[in-house]
Amino acid sequence: MEQGVPKRWRKSTYSGPNNNCVEIADGSLGVIPVRDSKDPDGPVLAFTENAFSDFVAAIKDGQFPGT
């Protein structure tokens, strides 16, 4: 990400205590940074706001078995 690594990450309130989640960060203009909570120094994926919204909607709609 050209704007640098976000400083404040957050997990879903649905996440359990096992740290087996994805985290997102706010504050990056036009993108939603996403990372694996088990590997906070690992790679960061950057999704457009529309792509991330579509992904969340698909999860809520049950399009991904096991979620």
N, C-alpha and C. Protein backbone atom coordinates (compact mmCIF):
# COMPACT_ATOMS: atom_id res chain seq x y z
N MET A 1 0.84 -1.17 0.00
CA MET A 1 0.00 0.00 0.00
C MET A 1 0.89 1.24 0.00
N GLU A 2 0.66 2.13 -0.88
CA GLU A 2 1.56 3.26 -1.01
C GLU A 2 1.44 4.26 0.12
N GLN A 3 0.36 4.25 0.87
CA GLN A 3 0.19 5.19 1.97
C GLN A 3 0.80 4.69 3.27
N GLY A 4 1.43 3.54 3.27
CA GLY A 4 2.03 3.00 4.48
C GLY A 4 1.08 2.06 5.21
N VAL A 5 1.59 1.45 6.25
CA VAL A 5 0.81 0.49 7.01
C VAL A 5 -0.09 1.24 7.99
N PRO A 6 -1.38 0.90 8.02
CA PRO A 6 -2.29 1.56 8.96
C PRO A 6 -1.85 1.34 10.40
N LYS A 7 -2.14 2.31 11.26
CA LYS A 7 -1.73 2.22 12.65
C LYS A 7 -2.78 1.57 13.55
N ARG A 8 -4.04 1.63 13.20
CA ARG A 8 -5.09 1.09 14.06
C ARG A 8 -5.89 0.02 13.33
N TRP A 9 -5.74 -1.21 13.77
CA TRP A 9 -6.45 -2.34 13.18
C TRP A 9 -7.58 -2.74 14.11
N ARG A 10 -8.63 -3.36 13.55
CA ARG A 10 -9.73 -3.85 14.38
C ARG A 10 -10.27 -5.15 13.83
N LYS A 11 -10.80 -5.95 14.74
CA LYS A 11 -11.44 -7.22 14.39
C LYS A 11 -12.94 -7.09 14.55
N SER A 12 -13.65 -7.98 13.95
CA SER A 12 -15.10 -8.04 14.11
C SER A 12 -15.44 -8.33 15.56
N THR A 13 -16.55 -7.80 16.01
CA THR A 13 -17.02 -8.11 17.36
C THR A 13 -17.45 -9.56 17.46
N TYR A 14 -17.61 -10.24 16.33
CA TYR A 14 -17.96 -11.67 16.30
C TYR A 14 -16.73 -12.56 16.48
N SER A 15 -15.55 -11.98 16.47
CA SER A 15 -14.32 -12.76 16.59
C SER A 15 -14.19 -13.36 17.98
N GLY A 16 -13.66 -14.57 18.02
CA GLY A 16 -13.42 -15.23 19.29
C GLY A 16 -12.05 -14.87 19.84
N PRO A 17 -11.72 -15.40 21.00
CA PRO A 17 -10.46 -15.07 21.65
C PRO A 17 -9.24 -15.80 21.07
N ASN A 18 -9.43 -16.68 20.07
CA ASN A 18 -8.32 -17.49 19.56
C ASN A 18 -7.42 -16.77 18.56
N ASN A 19 -7.72 -15.49 18.28
CA ASN A 19 -6.88 -14.69 17.37
C ASN A 19 -6.78 -15.30 15.97
N ASN A 20 -7.83 -15.94 15.53
CA ASN A 20 -7.89 -16.59 14.23
C ASN A 20 -8.86 -15.81 13.34
N CYS A 21 -8.52 -14.57 13.06
CA CYS A 21 -9.45 -13.67 12.38
C CYS A 21 -8.73 -12.83 11.34
N VAL A 22 -9.52 -12.11 10.59
CA VAL A 22 -8.96 -11.06 9.76
C VAL A 22 -9.20 -9.74 10.46
N GLU A 23 -8.34 -8.77 10.19
CA GLU A 23 -8.49 -7.44 10.74
C GLU A 23 -8.56 -6.44 9.59
N ILE A 24 -9.28 -5.36 9.82
CA ILE A 24 -9.33 -4.28 8.83
C ILE A 24 -8.91 -2.99 9.52
N ALA A 25 -8.52 -2.04 8.71
CA ALA A 25 -8.12 -0.73 9.23
C ALA A 25 -8.87 0.35 8.46
N ASP A 26 -9.19 1.40 9.17
CA ASP A 26 -9.82 2.57 8.55
C ASP A 26 -8.76 3.63 8.28
N GLY A 27 -9.13 4.61 7.51
CA GLY A 27 -8.27 5.77 7.34
C GLY A 27 -7.40 5.78 6.10
N SER A 28 -7.48 4.75 5.28
CA SER A 28 -6.72 4.75 4.03
C SER A 28 -7.68 5.17 2.91
N LEU A 29 -7.42 6.27 2.31
CA LEU A 29 -8.32 6.86 1.33
C LEU A 29 -8.60 5.92 0.16
N GLY A 30 -9.85 5.52 0.01
CA GLY A 30 -10.28 4.73 -1.14
C GLY A 30 -10.04 3.24 -1.05
N VAL A 31 -9.39 2.75 0.01
CA VAL A 31 -9.15 1.31 0.14
C VAL A 31 -9.45 0.84 1.56
N ILE A 32 -9.70 -0.45 1.68
CA ILE A 32 -9.87 -1.12 2.96
C ILE A 32 -8.71 -2.08 3.12
N PRO A 33 -7.75 -1.79 4.01
CA PRO A 33 -6.65 -2.72 4.25
C PRO A 33 -7.13 -3.91 5.09
N VAL A 34 -6.68 -5.11 4.72
CA VAL A 34 -7.08 -6.35 5.41
C VAL A 34 -5.83 -7.17 5.67
N ARG A 35 -5.73 -7.75 6.89
CA ARG A 35 -4.60 -8.61 7.21
C ARG A 35 -5.06 -9.78 8.08
N ASP A 36 -4.21 -10.77 8.20
CA ASP A 36 -4.45 -11.94 9.04
C ASP A 36 -4.01 -11.60 10.47
N SER A 37 -4.92 -11.75 11.42
CA SER A 37 -4.59 -11.38 12.80
C SER A 37 -3.48 -12.24 13.40
N LYS A 38 -3.28 -13.46 12.86
CA LYS A 38 -2.21 -14.33 13.36
C LYS A 38 -0.84 -13.89 12.87
N ASP A 39 -0.81 -13.05 11.85
CA ASP A 39 0.45 -12.61 11.25
C ASP A 39 0.42 -11.10 11.04
N PRO A 40 0.44 -10.33 12.12
CA PRO A 40 0.29 -8.88 11.99
C PRO A 40 1.42 -8.19 11.22
N ASP A 41 2.55 -8.85 11.09
CA ASP A 41 3.65 -8.27 10.31
C ASP A 41 3.69 -8.81 8.88
N GLY A 42 2.70 -9.63 8.54
CA GLY A 42 2.64 -10.24 7.22
C GLY A 42 2.04 -9.30 6.19
N PRO A 43 1.67 -9.85 5.06
CA PRO A 43 1.15 -9.02 3.96
C PRO A 43 -0.19 -8.38 4.30
N VAL A 44 -0.43 -7.25 3.68
CA VAL A 44 -1.69 -6.52 3.80
C VAL A 44 -2.33 -6.47 2.42
N LEU A 45 -3.58 -6.89 2.35
CA LEU A 45 -4.34 -6.79 1.10
C LEU A 45 -5.13 -5.49 1.13
N ALA A 46 -5.26 -4.84 0.00
CA ALA A 46 -6.01 -3.59 -0.09
C ALA A 46 -7.16 -3.77 -1.08
N PHE A 47 -8.37 -3.64 -0.59
CA PHE A 47 -9.57 -3.77 -1.42
C PHE A 47 -10.20 -2.40 -1.62
N THR A 48 -10.80 -2.19 -2.77
CA THR A 48 -11.58 -0.97 -2.93
C THR A 48 -12.76 -1.04 -1.98
N GLU A 49 -13.32 0.10 -1.65
CA GLU A 49 -14.47 0.12 -0.75
C GLU A 49 -15.63 -0.67 -1.33
N ASN A 50 -15.86 -0.55 -2.64
CA ASN A 50 -16.96 -1.29 -3.29
C ASN A 50 -16.72 -2.78 -3.27
N ALA A 51 -15.49 -3.21 -3.55
CA ALA A 51 -15.19 -4.64 -3.54
C ALA A 51 -15.36 -5.23 -2.15
N PHE A 52 -14.94 -4.50 -1.13
CA PHE A 52 -15.07 -5.00 0.24
C PHE A 52 -16.55 -5.07 0.64
N SER A 53 -17.32 -4.06 0.29
CA SER A 53 -18.76 -4.07 0.57
C SER A 53 -19.46 -5.23 -0.11
N ASP A 54 -19.10 -5.50 -1.36
CA ASP A 54 -19.67 -6.64 -2.09
C ASP A 54 -19.30 -7.96 -1.42
N PHE A 55 -18.07 -8.07 -0.96
CA PHE A 55 -17.60 -9.28 -0.28
C PHE A 55 -18.39 -9.51 1.01
N VAL A 56 -18.54 -8.48 1.82
CA VAL A 56 -19.30 -8.60 3.07
C VAL A 56 -20.75 -8.96 2.79
N ALA A 57 -21.34 -8.35 1.78
CA ALA A 57 -22.73 -8.67 1.42
C ALA A 57 -22.86 -10.12 0.99
N ALA A 58 -21.88 -10.64 0.25
CA ALA A 58 -21.91 -12.04 -0.19
C ALA A 58 -21.82 -12.99 1.00
N ILE A 59 -21.00 -12.64 1.99
CA ILE A 59 -20.91 -13.47 3.20
C ILE A 59 -22.25 -13.49 3.91
N LYS A 60 -22.85 -12.32 4.10
CA LYS A 60 -24.14 -12.23 4.78
C LYS A 60 -25.23 -12.98 4.03
N ASP A 61 -25.09 -13.05 2.72
CA ASP A 61 -26.07 -13.74 1.88
C ASP A 61 -25.87 -15.25 1.85
N GLY A 62 -24.79 -15.74 2.50
CA GLY A 62 -24.53 -17.17 2.56
C GLY A 62 -23.85 -17.74 1.34
N GLN A 63 -23.19 -16.92 0.56
CA GLN A 63 -22.54 -17.39 -0.67
C GLN A 63 -21.24 -18.12 -0.42
N PHE A 64 -20.74 -18.10 0.81
CA PHE A 64 -19.50 -18.79 1.14
C PHE A 64 -19.79 -19.82 2.23
N PRO A 65 -19.88 -21.09 1.88
CA PRO A 65 -20.18 -22.12 2.87
C PRO A 65 -19.14 -22.12 3.99
N GLY A 66 -19.61 -22.36 5.20
CA GLY A 66 -18.72 -22.44 6.34
C GLY A 66 -18.42 -21.12 7.00
N THR A 67 -19.08 -20.02 6.56
CA THR A 67 -18.83 -18.73 7.19
C THR A 67 -19.96 -18.37 8.12
